[in-house]
Amino acid sequence: MTVKNILGGTPMSAFETRAWLEHYPEWTPHSLDYGDNTLLDVYDNNLAINAERSATYFFGRTQTYGELDKEVRRVAAGLRALGVRPGDRVAIVLPNCPQHIAAFYAVLKLGAVVIEHNPLYTAHELKDPFKDHGARVAIVWDKAASTLERLRADTALETIVSVNMINAMPTLQRFALKLPIPALRKSREALSGAAPNTVPYEVLASSAMGGLGEDIVSEESVTKDTTALILYTSGTTGRPKGAQLSHGNLFANILQGKAWVPGLGDKPERMLGALPMFHAYGLTMVGTLSVFIGGEMVLLPSPRIDLIMDVMKKHTPTWLPGVPTLYEKIVEASEEQGIPIKGVRNAFCGASTLPVRTVERWESHTGGRLVEGYGLTETSPVIVGNPMNDDRRPGYVGIPFPDTLVRIANPDNPDETMPDGTEGEVLVKGPQVFKGYLNQEEATEKSFHDGWYRTGDVGVMEEDGFIRLVARIKEVIITGGFNVYPAEVEEVLAEHPDIEDIAVVGLPREDGAENVVAAITLVEGAALDPEGLKTYARENLTRYKVPRTFYHFEEMPRDQMGKIRRREVQEELLKKHQH
């Protein structure tokens, strides 16, 4: 409902009236008390209450919070022996595994800062970030150790601690993986590799290195404003930037998340950690939220569907953060393999648009609820979510979280709030918004306008406060003077029965404008029919939005979250044109 200005002027916008608050369910307060809490307070409080509860589940092996704490203390003592002090930065370059969780909290215990990196990155991709943050110690997957070794010459890196994930598996599986059977050898090689010139994780955590860590207590100098975590953004706009997230930022987001989801943590929760924890989404939704509510982290080293279905069969999760493709694949595998997936109470989806059909199929198979939200690395990450009741709205990312202000601004004049229903840049303020990029004052200044973080996303806020995303500002295609938003075109064409996946991008023309083109993968048995696809598109889109050319891809480039990388698609197409 549009509210008239009390002075009789123009109607007040949804932003001015905070119209979204009317859609908060009864269990979500409009405002929360964050206090001065840090992740160390969360960790210590949980340990005092839930020491006997299961903390991690990894290929069938469990570890209680009490057992995890002993490991955390030993790792912290080992890091202290290596010279790690409050404020120092320690890199973690690991898949999801119990050692990852222990290392994360051990670094925080010392008052040091965690820097998360993708273990599949090349030395080239890691070099600039390592030069930027200057970590002297890195805790890495043994298969990535040789990559990290190449950074020693050009960066401050001195000590590489290597982690063999197999050591966290059940005894029987560890034994089986040692057998000289080709299939098992292949599995072993996928999980672990030789790591010369490194300190094995078991040595770091041994009494010989730093003792048992019985004297380790949470560093007293840590406050809510202390940096806890640095995550490097993808660098789609150039050089990767290290977003500094404080203890207060990360605590705020898990408090908001718990308030959003009805009954979360009232009963024991199994939290599926399939999404990587070197992403803000995977880390907050499992790595920190689980410890806040005493949930069990069901950890998978990669979001492979066979690993997920094995967990579904033996140890069904109750909380499943994911991306649309993940939910679709789980439902398909459930139908094909006859594995029931009932029992997943809540699922929260991010990264890309959640199709209505995916929601319907998921909810009919699980009996639980699946809603979409939106966030960024710089916002810890969630700022907006659909209500977890019947007020949720397909096609929309939802409404702002408690204590989170979102407005749609004119990108050319951010002081101007756009009228309801009109496109503009999404700006946000809230306790989960980061404090800036490491060593990049200019980039930090450009990212904020008068205290508002500029997301770089184009969105629309309706008069009742619901938000719909349109595109990344950098991804908007300008053709013939018109703006074309890739997501809008993708949404229409994704409904075509022959198309399995689609990415719409712009290819530059000589006149400085761009042609709208589409890269597609086809369903099995379908043939590429460009004219048929254009005809289909024209039924639902203005002519200038219809892709001029369709390119067939065998497979789309995706990031670790399963999200299609439009930039890489564009680069591949540009290469084709150059040849």
Protein backbone atom coordinates (compact mmCIF):
# COMPACT_ATOMS: atom_id res chain seq x y z
CA MET A 1 0.00 0.00 0.00
CA THR A 2 1.31 3.48 -0.91
CA VAL A 3 1.33 5.85 2.09
CA LYS A 4 0.62 9.58 1.59
CA ASN A 5 3.17 12.02 2.97
CA ILE A 6 1.64 13.71 6.07
CA LEU A 7 2.52 17.12 4.59
CA GLY A 8 0.31 16.35 1.62
CA GLY A 9 3.18 16.05 -0.88
CA THR A 10 4.25 13.06 -2.92
CA PRO A 11 3.43 9.58 -1.57
CA MET A 12 6.08 8.09 0.71
CA SER A 13 8.12 5.23 -0.72
CA ALA A 14 8.28 1.71 0.68
CA PHE A 15 11.78 2.56 1.92
CA GLU A 16 10.56 5.60 3.87
CA THR A 17 7.66 3.73 5.49
CA ARG A 18 9.66 0.49 6.05
CA ALA A 19 6.69 -1.22 4.39
CA TRP A 20 8.44 -4.60 4.53
CA LEU A 21 8.01 -4.82 8.32
CA GLU A 22 4.33 -5.67 7.80
CA HIS A 23 5.44 -8.94 6.23
CA TYR A 24 7.61 -10.08 9.15
CA PRO A 25 6.17 -13.30 10.61
CA GLU A 26 5.32 -13.35 14.32
CA TRP A 27 8.61 -15.09 15.23
CA THR A 28 10.85 -12.41 13.68
CA PRO A 29 11.36 -9.22 15.74
CA HIS A 30 11.74 -5.91 13.88
CA SER A 31 14.96 -5.27 15.80
CA LEU A 32 17.49 -7.46 17.60
CA ASP A 33 19.96 -6.95 20.46
CA TYR A 34 23.48 -7.60 19.14
CA GLY A 35 25.32 -6.44 22.24
CA ASP A 36 29.11 -6.62 22.04
CA ASN A 37 29.13 -10.29 21.06
CA THR A 38 31.97 -11.84 19.08
CA LEU A 39 32.34 -15.25 17.43
CA LEU A 40 34.48 -16.21 20.42
CA ASP A 41 31.51 -15.55 22.73
CA VAL A 42 29.38 -17.72 20.46
CA TYR A 43 31.99 -20.49 20.54
CA ASP A 44 32.51 -20.40 24.33
CA ASN A 45 28.77 -20.22 25.11
CA ASN A 46 28.02 -23.18 22.86
CA LEU A 47 30.81 -25.24 24.38
CA ALA A 48 29.48 -24.57 27.89
CA ILE A 49 26.01 -25.81 26.89
CA ASN A 50 26.57 -28.40 24.15
CA ALA A 51 29.93 -30.10 24.81
CA GLU A 52 28.31 -33.55 24.46
CA ARG A 53 26.43 -32.74 21.24
CA SER A 54 27.76 -33.84 17.87
CA ALA A 55 29.67 -30.99 16.20
CA THR A 56 30.81 -32.58 12.94
CA TYR A 57 29.81 -35.54 10.76
CA PHE A 58 32.28 -36.52 8.05
CA PHE A 59 31.70 -39.66 5.96
CA GLY A 60 30.04 -41.23 9.01
CA ARG A 61 32.56 -40.19 11.67
CA THR A 62 31.27 -37.82 14.33
CA GLN A 63 33.02 -35.49 16.75
CA THR A 64 31.37 -33.82 19.76
CA TYR A 65 31.81 -30.13 20.52
CA GLY A 66 33.96 -31.15 23.51
CA GLU A 67 36.23 -33.23 21.26
CA LEU A 68 36.33 -30.45 18.69
CA ASP A 69 37.40 -28.00 21.40
CA LYS A 70 40.37 -30.19 22.38
CA GLU A 71 41.48 -30.15 18.74
CA VAL A 72 40.91 -26.38 18.48
CA ARG A 73 43.11 -25.79 21.54
CA ARG A 74 45.91 -28.02 20.26
CA VAL A 75 45.87 -26.34 16.84
CA ALA A 76 45.83 -22.91 18.50
CA ALA A 77 48.81 -23.92 20.65
CA GLY A 78 50.65 -25.14 17.54
CA LEU A 79 49.94 -21.88 15.70
CA ARG A 80 51.13 -19.92 18.74
CA ALA A 81 54.36 -21.92 18.65
CA LEU A 82 54.73 -20.84 15.01
CA GLY A 83 54.54 -17.22 16.14
CA VAL A 84 50.89 -16.41 15.39
CA ARG A 85 49.75 -13.50 17.58
CA PRO A 86 46.58 -11.35 17.89
CA GLY A 87 45.93 -9.44 14.66
CA ASP A 88 48.11 -11.75 12.55
CA ARG A 89 46.57 -13.26 9.43
CA VAL A 90 46.41 -17.00 8.81
CA ALA A 91 45.29 -18.40 5.44
CA ILE A 92 43.02 -21.44 5.29
CA VAL A 93 43.00 -23.19 1.91
CA LEU A 94 40.81 -26.24 2.53
CA PRO A 95 37.69 -28.03 1.34
CA ASN A 96 34.97 -28.59 3.93
CA CYS A 97 36.28 -31.05 6.50
CA PRO A 98 36.56 -31.25 10.33
CA GLN A 99 40.14 -29.91 10.23
CA HIS A 100 38.80 -26.80 8.48
CA ILE A 101 36.39 -26.10 11.35
CA ALA A 102 39.08 -26.67 14.00
CA ALA A 103 41.57 -24.45 12.17
CA PHE A 104 39.00 -21.66 11.74
CA TYR A 105 38.17 -21.44 15.44
CA ALA A 106 41.80 -21.99 16.52
CA VAL A 107 42.87 -18.91 14.56
CA LEU A 108 40.04 -16.85 16.08
CA LYS A 109 40.88 -18.11 19.60
CA LEU A 110 44.30 -16.47 19.27
CA GLY A 111 42.72 -13.16 18.22
CA ALA A 112 44.15 -13.67 14.73
CA VAL A 113 42.34 -13.19 11.41
CA VAL A 114 41.19 -16.02 9.11
CA ILE A 115 41.66 -15.59 5.37
CA GLU A 116 39.71 -18.16 3.37
CA HIS A 117 40.85 -19.25 -0.10
CA ASN A 118 39.61 -21.72 -2.69
CA PRO A 119 41.86 -24.84 -2.58
CA LEU A 120 41.36 -25.36 -6.33
CA TYR A 121 42.87 -21.99 -7.24
CA THR A 122 46.11 -21.83 -9.18
CA ALA A 123 49.27 -20.12 -7.90
CA HIS A 124 48.54 -17.28 -10.33
CA GLU A 125 45.09 -16.74 -8.79
CA LEU A 126 46.45 -16.86 -5.23
CA LYS A 127 49.56 -14.72 -5.69
CA ASP A 128 47.97 -11.27 -5.56
CA PRO A 129 45.76 -12.02 -2.54
CA PHE A 130 48.73 -13.51 -0.63
CA LYS A 131 50.80 -10.44 -1.46
CA ASP A 132 47.93 -8.30 -0.22
CA HIS A 133 47.23 -9.97 3.12
CA GLY A 134 50.77 -11.08 3.91
CA ALA A 135 49.89 -14.29 5.80
CA ARG A 136 53.04 -16.08 7.00
CA VAL A 137 51.21 -19.31 7.86
CA ALA A 138 48.76 -21.21 5.64
CA ILE A 139 46.76 -24.33 6.59
CA VAL A 140 46.13 -26.10 3.29
CA TRP A 141 44.75 -29.23 1.68
CA ASP A 142 47.73 -31.50 1.01
CA LYS A 143 46.74 -31.71 -2.68
CA ALA A 144 47.10 -27.90 -2.90
CA ALA A 145 50.42 -27.78 -1.03
CA SER A 146 52.55 -27.78 -4.20
CA THR A 147 50.53 -24.78 -5.47
CA LEU A 148 51.16 -22.88 -2.23
CA GLU A 149 54.83 -23.84 -2.37
CA ARG A 150 55.16 -21.68 -5.48
CA LEU A 151 54.05 -18.61 -3.50
CA ARG A 152 56.94 -18.67 -1.03
CA ALA A 153 59.32 -16.76 -3.32
CA ASP A 154 57.00 -13.82 -4.04
CA THR A 155 54.96 -13.48 -0.85
CA ALA A 156 55.39 -13.43 2.94
CA LEU A 157 54.34 -17.09 3.21
CA GLU A 158 56.75 -19.09 5.36
CA THR A 159 54.99 -22.11 6.87
CA ILE A 160 52.60 -24.43 5.05
CA VAL A 161 50.60 -26.80 7.25
CA SER A 162 49.24 -29.69 5.16
CA VAL A 163 45.92 -31.40 5.89
CA ASN A 164 45.09 -34.95 4.83
CA MET A 165 41.28 -35.13 4.91
CA ILE A 166 41.36 -38.93 4.97
CA ASN A 167 42.61 -38.75 8.57
CA ALA A 168 39.23 -37.34 9.65
CA MET A 169 37.30 -40.26 8.14
CA PRO A 170 36.05 -43.36 10.00
CA THR A 171 38.70 -46.03 10.68
CA LEU A 172 37.18 -48.53 8.26
CA GLN A 173 37.23 -46.07 5.36
CA ARG A 174 40.77 -44.98 6.15
CA PHE A 175 41.84 -48.61 6.07
CA ALA A 176 39.95 -49.32 2.82
CA LEU A 177 41.55 -46.35 1.08
CA LYS A 178 44.98 -47.86 1.73
CA LEU A 179 44.14 -51.05 -0.17
CA PRO A 180 45.88 -51.50 -3.58
CA ILE A 181 42.62 -51.59 -5.53
CA PRO A 182 42.42 -49.31 -8.63
CA ALA A 183 39.00 -47.80 -7.77
CA LEU A 184 40.08 -47.11 -4.19
CA ARG A 185 43.41 -45.72 -5.34
CA LYS A 186 41.52 -43.28 -7.57
CA SER A 187 39.37 -42.19 -4.60
CA ARG A 188 42.49 -41.77 -2.45
CA GLU A 189 44.20 -39.66 -5.10
CA ALA A 190 41.12 -37.42 -5.34
CA LEU A 191 41.16 -36.83 -1.58
CA SER A 192 44.85 -36.54 -0.75
CA GLY A 193 48.30 -35.98 -2.24
CA ALA A 194 51.97 -35.77 -1.30
CA ALA A 195 52.96 -32.57 0.49
CA PRO A 196 56.74 -32.32 0.95
CA ASN A 197 58.28 -29.29 2.74
CA THR A 198 55.18 -28.84 4.89
CA VAL A 199 54.22 -29.30 8.53
CA PRO A 200 51.61 -32.08 8.74
CA TYR A 201 48.43 -30.98 10.52
CA GLU A 202 48.86 -33.81 13.02
CA VAL A 203 52.27 -32.40 13.99
CA LEU A 204 50.82 -28.89 14.35
CA ALA A 205 48.15 -30.29 16.70
CA SER A 206 50.58 -32.52 18.63
CA SER A 207 51.70 -32.01 22.22
CA ALA A 208 55.30 -31.89 20.91
CA MET A 209 54.57 -28.74 18.87
CA GLY A 210 52.70 -26.46 21.24
CA GLY A 211 51.39 -28.65 24.03
CA LEU A 212 47.77 -29.60 24.58
CA GLY A 213 46.61 -26.00 24.62
CA GLU A 214 45.06 -26.31 28.08
CA ASP A 215 46.06 -22.71 28.79
CA ILE A 216 44.43 -21.42 25.59
CA VAL A 217 41.56 -19.03 26.34
CA SER A 218 39.67 -16.71 24.02
CA GLU A 219 41.83 -13.64 23.35
CA GLU A 220 40.53 -10.83 25.58
CA SER A 221 41.49 -8.00 23.21
CA VAL A 222 38.96 -9.19 20.60
CA THR A 223 35.87 -6.95 20.32
CA LYS A 224 32.92 -6.85 17.96
CA ASP A 225 34.92 -4.41 15.80
CA THR A 226 37.93 -6.74 15.47
CA THR A 227 38.38 -8.24 12.00
CA ALA A 228 37.59 -11.97 12.13
CA LEU A 229 37.64 -12.91 8.47
CA ILE A 230 38.90 -11.68 5.11
CA LEU A 231 37.28 -13.02 1.95
CA TYR A 232 38.46 -12.06 -1.51
CA THR A 233 35.79 -11.05 -3.96
CA SER A 234 35.80 -12.76 -7.34
CA GLY A 235 37.57 -9.86 -9.00
CA THR A 236 35.04 -9.56 -11.84
CA THR A 237 35.77 -5.82 -11.84
CA GLY A 238 39.55 -6.28 -11.89
CA ARG A 239 41.97 -7.01 -9.08
CA PRO A 240 40.48 -9.16 -6.26
CA LYS A 241 39.68 -7.19 -3.11
CA GLY A 242 39.83 -8.52 0.45
CA ALA A 243 36.54 -7.79 2.23
CA GLN A 244 37.19 -7.42 5.98
CA LEU A 245 34.35 -8.86 8.06
CA SER A 246 34.35 -8.12 11.77
CA HIS A 247 33.25 -10.38 14.62
CA GLY A 248 30.24 -8.08 14.97
CA ASN A 249 29.34 -8.36 11.27
CA LEU A 250 29.40 -12.16 11.36
CA PHE A 251 27.57 -12.39 14.69
CA ALA A 252 24.85 -10.02 13.45
CA ASN A 253 24.14 -12.19 10.41
CA ILE A 254 23.75 -15.44 12.37
CA LEU A 255 21.52 -13.70 14.93
CA GLN A 256 19.39 -12.33 12.08
CA GLY A 257 19.34 -15.75 10.39
CA LYS A 258 18.18 -17.53 13.54
CA ALA A 259 15.42 -14.95 14.00
CA TRP A 260 14.31 -15.45 10.39
CA VAL A 261 13.88 -19.23 10.47
CA PRO A 262 11.07 -20.50 12.71
CA GLY A 263 12.26 -22.84 15.46
CA LEU A 264 15.82 -23.10 14.12
CA GLY A 265 17.86 -24.82 16.82
CA ASP A 266 14.88 -25.61 19.07
CA LYS A 267 15.45 -29.26 18.15
CA PRO A 268 18.87 -30.73 17.24
CA GLU A 269 19.76 -29.64 13.72
CA ARG A 270 21.86 -31.35 11.06
CA MET A 271 23.32 -28.60 8.87
CA LEU A 272 24.51 -29.72 5.43
CA GLY A 273 27.86 -28.16 4.58
CA ALA A 274 27.94 -28.92 0.86
CA LEU A 275 28.64 -25.33 -0.22
CA PRO A 276 32.29 -24.38 0.31
CA MET A 277 33.23 -22.46 3.44
CA PHE A 278 35.67 -20.28 1.53
CA HIS A 279 32.48 -18.49 0.42
CA ALA A 280 30.65 -16.21 2.86
CA TYR A 281 27.41 -18.10 2.20
CA GLY A 282 28.73 -21.55 3.05
CA LEU A 283 30.67 -20.26 6.05
CA THR A 284 27.82 -18.30 7.66
CA MET A 285 25.04 -20.75 6.84
CA VAL A 286 26.91 -23.70 8.37
CA GLY A 287 30.32 -22.83 9.87
CA THR A 288 29.15 -20.10 12.26
CA LEU A 289 25.36 -20.61 12.44
CA SER A 290 25.82 -24.26 13.54
CA VAL A 291 28.01 -23.25 16.47
CA PHE A 292 25.50 -20.54 17.44
CA ILE A 293 22.62 -23.05 17.74
CA GLY A 294 24.59 -26.16 18.69
CA GLY A 295 23.88 -27.84 15.36
CA GLU A 296 25.81 -30.69 13.76
CA MET A 297 27.87 -29.74 10.69
CA VAL A 298 27.45 -32.46 8.06
CA LEU A 299 30.57 -31.71 6.03
CA LEU A 300 31.23 -32.64 2.41
CA PRO A 301 34.53 -31.80 0.67
CA SER A 302 32.64 -30.93 -2.52
CA PRO A 303 28.96 -30.55 -3.50
CA ARG A 304 29.01 -33.76 -5.56
CA ILE A 305 25.57 -35.23 -5.93
CA ASP A 306 26.71 -38.79 -5.07
CA LEU A 307 28.14 -37.56 -1.75
CA ILE A 308 24.99 -35.58 -1.01
CA MET A 309 22.68 -38.51 -1.76
CA ASP A 310 24.77 -40.78 0.45
CA VAL A 311 24.18 -38.34 3.30
CA MET A 312 20.48 -38.08 2.42
CA LYS A 313 20.19 -41.85 2.69
CA LYS A 314 22.15 -42.32 5.94
CA HIS A 315 22.00 -39.03 7.84
CA THR A 316 19.32 -36.70 6.43
CA PRO A 317 20.05 -33.03 7.13
CA THR A 318 17.38 -30.74 8.59
CA TRP A 319 18.92 -27.48 7.26
CA LEU A 320 20.16 -27.26 3.69
CA PRO A 321 21.55 -24.00 2.32
CA GLY A 322 22.15 -24.24 -1.41
CA VAL A 323 21.77 -22.85 -4.91
CA PRO A 324 18.99 -23.64 -7.42
CA THR A 325 20.97 -26.24 -9.39
CA LEU A 326 21.80 -28.12 -6.17
CA TYR A 327 18.13 -28.47 -5.18
CA GLU A 328 17.19 -29.54 -8.71
CA LYS A 329 19.91 -32.20 -8.83
CA ILE A 330 18.96 -33.57 -5.39
CA VAL A 331 15.31 -33.94 -6.43
CA GLU A 332 16.28 -35.59 -9.73
CA ALA A 333 18.62 -38.02 -7.95
CA SER A 334 15.93 -38.76 -5.35
CA GLU A 335 13.48 -39.70 -8.11
CA GLU A 336 16.01 -41.71 -10.14
CA GLN A 337 17.54 -43.60 -7.21
CA GLY A 338 14.42 -43.93 -5.06
CA ILE A 339 16.10 -42.23 -2.11
CA PRO A 340 13.58 -40.32 0.03
CA ILE A 341 14.60 -36.81 1.10
CA LYS A 342 11.82 -36.14 3.61
CA GLY A 343 13.01 -34.46 6.77
CA VAL A 344 14.83 -31.42 5.39
CA ARG A 345 12.85 -28.87 7.41
CA ASN A 346 14.32 -25.65 6.03
CA ALA A 347 16.31 -24.70 2.94
CA PHE A 348 17.61 -21.22 2.10
CA CYS A 349 18.69 -20.52 -1.45
CA GLY A 350 21.08 -17.90 -2.79
CA ALA A 351 23.46 -17.10 -5.67
CA SER A 352 20.95 -17.08 -8.54
CA THR A 353 17.22 -16.88 -9.31
CA LEU A 354 15.17 -19.71 -7.80
CA PRO A 355 12.61 -21.07 -10.31
CA VAL A 356 9.09 -21.66 -8.99
CA ARG A 357 9.09 -25.25 -10.29
CA THR A 358 12.22 -25.99 -8.24
CA VAL A 359 10.46 -24.78 -5.08
CA GLU A 360 7.37 -26.85 -5.81
CA ARG A 361 9.30 -30.06 -6.51
CA TRP A 362 11.58 -29.58 -3.50
CA GLU A 363 8.76 -28.96 -1.06
CA SER A 364 6.66 -31.86 -2.30
CA HIS A 365 9.64 -34.23 -1.91
CA THR A 366 10.93 -32.99 1.46
CA GLY A 367 7.82 -31.73 3.23
CA GLY A 368 9.95 -28.73 4.23
CA ARG A 369 10.22 -25.13 3.09
CA LEU A 370 12.54 -23.58 0.49
CA VAL A 371 12.89 -19.81 0.15
CA GLU A 372 15.20 -17.46 -1.71
CA GLY A 373 17.42 -14.76 -0.25
CA TYR A 374 20.11 -12.35 -1.38
CA GLY A 375 23.44 -11.12 -0.13
CA LEU A 376 27.06 -10.39 -0.92
CA THR A 377 30.49 -11.24 0.44
CA GLU A 378 30.69 -7.70 1.81
CA THR A 379 27.50 -8.16 3.85
CA SER A 380 28.40 -11.35 5.75
CA PRO A 381 26.47 -12.27 3.41
CA VAL A 382 22.64 -12.09 3.78
CA ILE A 383 20.71 -8.79 3.69
CA VAL A 384 17.35 -9.87 2.24
CA GLY A 385 15.24 -12.99 2.50
CA ASN A 386 11.79 -14.23 1.66
CA PRO A 387 9.63 -14.74 4.75
CA MET A 388 9.56 -18.42 5.74
CA ASN A 389 5.78 -18.53 5.56
CA ASP A 390 3.09 -18.13 2.90
CA ASP A 391 4.04 -14.47 2.36
CA ARG A 392 7.11 -15.52 0.37
CA ARG A 393 6.99 -14.37 -3.22
CA PRO A 394 8.37 -16.29 -6.21
CA GLY A 395 10.63 -14.21 -8.45
CA TYR A 396 11.61 -11.91 -5.57
CA VAL A 397 14.64 -12.19 -3.29
CA GLY A 398 12.46 -11.05 -0.39
CA ILE A 399 12.47 -8.26 2.17
CA PRO A 400 15.25 -6.76 4.32
CA PHE A 401 16.49 -8.65 7.38
CA PRO A 402 15.95 -7.09 10.85
CA ASP A 403 17.86 -3.82 11.37
CA THR A 404 18.78 -3.81 7.67
CA LEU A 405 17.88 -0.83 5.52
CA VAL A 406 17.70 -1.29 1.76
CA ARG A 407 16.83 1.40 -0.74
CA ILE A 408 16.85 1.59 -4.52
CA ALA A 409 18.87 4.60 -5.66
CA ASN A 410 19.60 6.41 -8.87
CA PRO A 411 23.05 5.01 -9.84
CA ASP A 412 24.08 8.42 -11.20
CA ASN A 413 22.86 10.27 -8.08
CA PRO A 414 22.78 7.87 -5.09
CA ASP A 415 21.14 10.52 -2.88
CA GLU A 416 17.97 10.06 -4.94
CA THR A 417 15.71 7.16 -3.95
CA MET A 418 13.87 5.77 -6.95
CA PRO A 419 10.05 5.56 -6.88
CA ASP A 420 8.53 2.19 -5.93
CA GLY A 421 8.50 -0.24 -8.85
CA THR A 422 11.37 1.55 -10.60
CA GLU A 423 14.80 0.07 -11.33
CA GLY A 424 17.87 1.44 -9.58
CA GLU A 425 20.99 0.41 -7.68
CA VAL A 426 20.51 -1.58 -4.47
CA LEU A 427 22.04 0.25 -1.48
CA VAL A 428 22.22 -1.22 2.02
CA LYS A 429 23.00 -0.31 5.64
CA GLY A 430 23.07 -2.77 8.52
CA PRO A 431 25.14 -4.38 11.27
CA GLN A 432 26.27 -7.12 8.86
CA VAL A 433 27.82 -4.67 6.35
CA PHE A 434 31.62 -4.92 6.21
CA LYS A 435 34.08 -2.25 7.27
CA GLY A 436 36.04 -2.00 4.04
CA TYR A 437 38.59 -3.66 1.77
CA LEU A 438 42.06 -4.51 3.03
CA ASN A 439 44.74 -2.06 1.83
CA GLN A 440 42.32 -0.45 -0.65
CA GLU A 441 41.06 2.84 0.75
CA GLU A 442 40.01 4.18 -2.64
CA ALA A 443 37.98 1.06 -3.48
CA THR A 444 36.36 1.23 -0.03
CA GLU A 445 35.42 4.89 -0.49
CA LYS A 446 33.90 4.16 -3.91
CA SER A 447 31.87 1.31 -2.45
CA PHE A 448 30.08 3.55 0.04
CA HIS A 449 27.92 6.63 -0.39
CA ASP A 450 27.10 8.55 2.77
CA GLY A 451 27.26 5.36 4.86
CA TRP A 452 25.32 3.24 2.34
CA TYR A 453 27.07 0.26 0.74
CA ARG A 454 26.64 0.29 -3.04
CA THR A 455 26.02 -3.32 -4.09
CA GLY A 456 26.43 -2.78 -7.84
CA ASP A 457 23.19 -4.71 -8.35
CA VAL A 458 20.13 -3.36 -10.17
CA GLY A 459 16.89 -4.01 -8.34
CA VAL A 460 13.30 -2.90 -7.87
CA MET A 461 11.47 -2.39 -4.56
CA GLU A 462 7.71 -2.77 -4.78
CA GLU A 463 5.40 -0.60 -2.70
CA ASP A 464 5.11 -3.32 -0.04
CA GLY A 465 8.92 -3.59 0.34
CA PHE A 466 9.55 -6.79 -1.62
CA ILE A 467 12.71 -6.64 -3.72
CA ARG A 468 13.35 -8.09 -7.14
CA LEU A 469 16.84 -8.24 -8.62
CA VAL A 470 17.30 -7.31 -12.24
CA ALA A 471 21.07 -7.51 -12.98
CA ARG A 472 24.57 -6.59 -11.99
CA ILE A 473 25.25 -3.03 -13.15
CA LYS A 474 28.42 -4.32 -14.86
CA GLU A 475 26.40 -7.04 -16.63
CA VAL A 476 23.76 -4.78 -18.12
CA ILE A 477 23.90 -5.04 -21.92
CA ILE A 478 23.43 -1.77 -23.80
CA THR A 479 22.07 -2.32 -27.28
CA GLY A 480 20.69 0.41 -29.55
CA GLY A 481 20.46 2.74 -26.55
CA PHE A 482 18.33 0.28 -24.58
CA ASN A 483 19.36 -1.55 -21.40
CA VAL A 484 18.97 -5.33 -21.48
CA TYR A 485 19.20 -7.29 -18.22
CA PRO A 486 20.59 -10.80 -18.80
CA ALA A 487 18.53 -12.41 -16.01
CA GLU A 488 15.25 -11.30 -17.60
CA VAL A 489 16.13 -12.87 -20.98
CA GLU A 490 17.52 -16.02 -19.30
CA GLU A 491 14.33 -16.46 -17.28
CA VAL A 492 12.19 -16.47 -20.43
CA LEU A 493 14.41 -18.78 -22.48
CA ALA A 494 15.06 -21.17 -19.59
CA GLU A 495 11.40 -22.23 -19.93
CA HIS A 496 12.03 -23.54 -23.47
CA PRO A 497 11.89 -27.37 -23.37
CA ASP A 498 15.12 -27.78 -25.38
CA ILE A 499 17.28 -25.57 -23.13
CA GLU A 500 19.00 -27.03 -20.11
CA ASP A 501 21.20 -24.04 -19.16
CA ILE A 502 21.55 -20.52 -20.47
CA ALA A 503 23.79 -17.49 -20.05
CA VAL A 504 22.99 -14.22 -21.82
CA VAL A 505 25.85 -11.78 -22.42
CA GLY A 506 26.73 -8.80 -24.58
CA LEU A 507 29.30 -8.90 -27.38
CA PRO A 508 30.78 -5.54 -28.43
CA ARG A 509 29.96 -4.06 -31.82
CA GLU A 510 32.03 -1.63 -33.83
CA ASP A 511 29.59 1.19 -33.03
CA GLY A 512 30.31 0.88 -29.30
CA ALA A 513 27.00 -0.83 -28.52
CA GLU A 514 26.58 -4.57 -27.86
CA ASN A 515 24.76 -7.47 -29.42
CA VAL A 516 22.65 -9.63 -27.13
CA VAL A 517 23.75 -13.25 -27.50
CA ALA A 518 22.95 -16.46 -25.63
CA ALA A 519 25.14 -19.42 -24.74
CA ILE A 520 23.07 -22.55 -24.14
CA THR A 521 23.40 -26.20 -23.24
CA LEU A 522 20.68 -28.44 -24.66
CA VAL A 523 18.70 -31.25 -23.06
CA GLU A 524 19.58 -34.72 -24.26
CA GLY A 525 18.30 -35.40 -27.77
CA ALA A 526 17.59 -31.76 -28.64
CA ALA A 527 19.13 -30.05 -31.67
CA LEU A 528 20.17 -26.40 -31.89
CA ASP A 529 17.39 -24.43 -33.64
CA PRO A 530 18.33 -20.72 -33.51
CA GLU A 531 15.32 -19.48 -35.50
CA GLY A 532 12.90 -21.51 -33.38
CA LEU A 533 14.48 -20.11 -30.22
CA LYS A 534 14.24 -16.53 -31.54
CA THR A 535 10.58 -17.04 -32.38
CA TYR A 536 9.97 -18.38 -28.86
CA ALA A 537 11.82 -15.43 -27.30
CA ARG A 538 9.89 -12.87 -29.35
CA GLU A 539 6.62 -14.15 -27.88
CA ASN A 540 7.73 -12.95 -24.45
CA LEU A 541 10.35 -10.26 -25.03
CA THR A 542 10.68 -6.95 -26.86
CA ARG A 543 12.64 -7.41 -30.07
CA TYR A 544 15.82 -5.68 -28.85
CA LYS A 545 16.05 -8.17 -25.95
CA VAL A 546 15.94 -11.23 -28.20
CA PRO A 547 19.43 -12.79 -28.62
CA ARG A 548 20.78 -12.28 -32.13
CA THR A 549 22.90 -15.42 -31.96
CA PHE A 550 22.71 -18.68 -30.00
CA TYR A 551 25.93 -20.55 -29.21
CA HIS A 552 25.92 -24.19 -28.19
CA PHE A 553 28.09 -25.07 -25.16
CA GLU A 554 28.67 -28.63 -24.00
CA GLU A 555 29.03 -27.33 -20.45
CA MET A 556 28.74 -23.94 -18.77
CA PRO A 557 31.61 -22.53 -16.69
CA ARG A 558 30.44 -22.36 -13.07
CA ASP A 559 31.87 -21.14 -9.80
CA GLN A 560 32.10 -23.31 -6.67
CA MET A 561 28.54 -22.32 -5.73
CA GLY A 562 27.20 -23.72 -8.99
CA LYS A 563 26.49 -20.25 -10.37
CA ILE A 564 27.16 -19.73 -14.10
CA ARG A 565 30.09 -17.35 -14.66
CA ARG A 566 28.73 -14.97 -17.30
CA ARG A 567 32.09 -13.24 -17.55
CA GLU A 568 33.84 -16.48 -18.55
CA VAL A 569 31.10 -17.26 -21.07
CA GLN A 570 31.63 -13.82 -22.56
CA GLU A 571 35.41 -14.32 -22.69
CA GLU A 572 35.01 -17.67 -24.50
CA LEU A 573 32.71 -16.10 -27.08
CA LEU A 574 35.06 -13.17 -27.61
CA LYS A 575 37.90 -15.63 -28.30
CA LYS A 576 35.74 -17.41 -30.89
CA HIS A 577 35.11 -14.09 -32.64
CA GLN A 578 38.78 -13.16 -32.67
CA HIS A 579 39.62 -16.41 -34.45
